[in-house]
Amino acid sequence: MQWFDPHSRIRSSKHRKIYAYYTLAYTLIDFLAAVMFITGSVFFFDEATVYAATWLFLIGSIFFALRPTTTLLRELALIRAGDYVDVVKR
């Protein structure tokens, strides 16, 4: 099986579950990063919350760094799942 093969996610029911799990994780990370950046942006309007805003931007940046990490981990999990295909009985 090759890296980033578009067919690997549908190769078997195990592959579909792995892909769904990592897609959910990726979406959650994306959502949290956006929330951190939006909240941090609002916090920059008040001088008293600038320190918190800076931390929110840092945390949001870490979440954005986790996005490609999640994709890489998904590909590794799909490769570890093997190269088998579910057998469909007719």
Protein backbone atom coordinates (compact mmCIF):
# COMPACT_ATOMS: atom_id res chain seq x y z
CA MET A 1 0.00 0.00 0.00
CA GLN A 2 1.31 3.46 -0.87
CA TRP A 3 1.33 6.62 1.21
CA PHE A 4 -1.65 8.93 0.61
CA ASP A 5 -3.38 6.45 -1.67
CA PRO A 6 -6.95 7.76 -2.07
CA HIS A 7 -8.27 4.20 -2.19
CA SER A 8 -6.68 3.14 1.10
CA ARG A 9 -9.50 4.66 3.14
CA ILE A 10 -12.09 2.34 1.58
CA ARG A 11 -9.98 -0.82 1.32
CA SER A 12 -11.81 -2.56 4.19
CA SER A 13 -14.15 -1.86 7.08
CA LYS A 14 -11.09 -1.52 9.34
CA HIS A 15 -9.60 1.07 6.97
CA ARG A 16 -12.90 2.98 6.88
CA LYS A 17 -13.03 3.10 10.70
CA ILE A 18 -9.44 4.32 10.92
CA TYR A 19 -10.10 7.00 8.34
CA ALA A 20 -13.29 8.13 10.10
CA TYR A 21 -11.54 8.33 13.48
CA TYR A 22 -8.69 10.45 12.14
CA THR A 23 -11.07 12.66 10.15
CA LEU A 24 -12.98 13.34 13.36
CA ALA A 25 -9.73 14.13 15.20
CA TYR A 26 -8.58 16.43 12.37
CA THR A 27 -11.91 18.28 12.37
CA LEU A 28 -11.85 18.69 16.15
CA ILE A 29 -8.29 20.04 16.02
CA ASP A 30 -9.27 22.43 13.22
CA PHE A 31 -12.29 23.65 15.17
CA LEU A 32 -10.30 24.19 18.38
CA ALA A 33 -7.60 26.10 16.50
CA ALA A 34 -10.24 28.40 15.01
CA VAL A 35 -11.86 28.97 18.42
CA MET A 36 -8.47 29.84 19.94
CA PHE A 37 -7.69 32.34 17.20
CA ILE A 38 -11.13 33.98 17.27
CA THR A 39 -11.12 34.22 21.05
CA GLY A 40 -7.55 35.52 21.03
CA SER A 41 -8.51 38.15 18.46
CA VAL A 42 -11.37 39.36 20.65
CA PHE A 43 -9.08 39.44 23.69
CA PHE A 44 -6.71 41.80 21.87
CA PHE A 45 -9.38 44.53 21.96
CA ASP A 46 -8.87 44.98 25.71
CA GLU A 47 -5.47 45.83 27.15
CA ALA A 48 -6.20 43.72 30.25
CA THR A 49 -6.53 40.49 28.23
CA VAL A 50 -3.59 40.86 25.82
CA TYR A 51 -1.51 38.33 27.79
CA ALA A 52 -4.30 35.74 27.55
CA ALA A 53 -4.74 36.54 23.86
CA THR A 54 -1.07 35.82 23.23
CA TRP A 55 -1.42 32.42 24.90
CA LEU A 56 -4.53 31.63 22.88
CA PHE A 57 -2.66 32.40 19.66
CA LEU A 58 0.18 30.11 20.75
CA ILE A 59 -2.23 27.29 21.62
CA GLY A 60 -4.09 27.84 18.33
CA SER A 61 -0.80 27.64 16.46
CA ILE A 62 0.01 24.34 18.17
CA PHE A 63 -3.39 23.01 17.10
CA PHE A 64 -2.68 24.09 13.52
CA ALA A 65 0.64 22.20 13.73
CA LEU A 66 -1.28 19.10 14.84
CA ARG A 67 -3.29 19.07 11.61
CA PRO A 68 -0.54 17.66 9.35
CA THR A 69 0.60 15.47 12.25
CA THR A 70 -2.88 13.94 12.38
CA THR A 71 -2.80 13.31 8.63
CA LEU A 72 0.59 11.62 8.90
CA LEU A 73 -0.56 9.45 11.81
CA ARG A 74 -3.67 8.48 9.82
CA GLU A 75 -1.54 7.33 6.90
CA LEU A 76 0.68 5.30 9.22
CA ALA A 77 -2.38 3.68 10.80
CA LEU A 78 -3.81 2.82 7.37
CA ILE A 79 -0.52 1.25 6.31
CA ARG A 80 -0.29 -0.73 9.56
CA ALA A 81 -3.86 -1.97 9.00
CA GLY A 82 -2.55 -3.99 6.08
CA ASP A 83 -3.26 -4.35 2.42
CA TYR A 84 -6.28 -6.60 2.59
CA VAL A 85 -9.70 -5.98 1.12
CA ASP A 86 -13.00 -7.05 2.67
CA VAL A 87 -14.48 -10.02 0.85
CA VAL A 88 -18.04 -9.39 -0.22
CA LYS A 89 -20.23 -12.48 -0.32
CA ARG A 90 -22.88 -12.57 -3.01
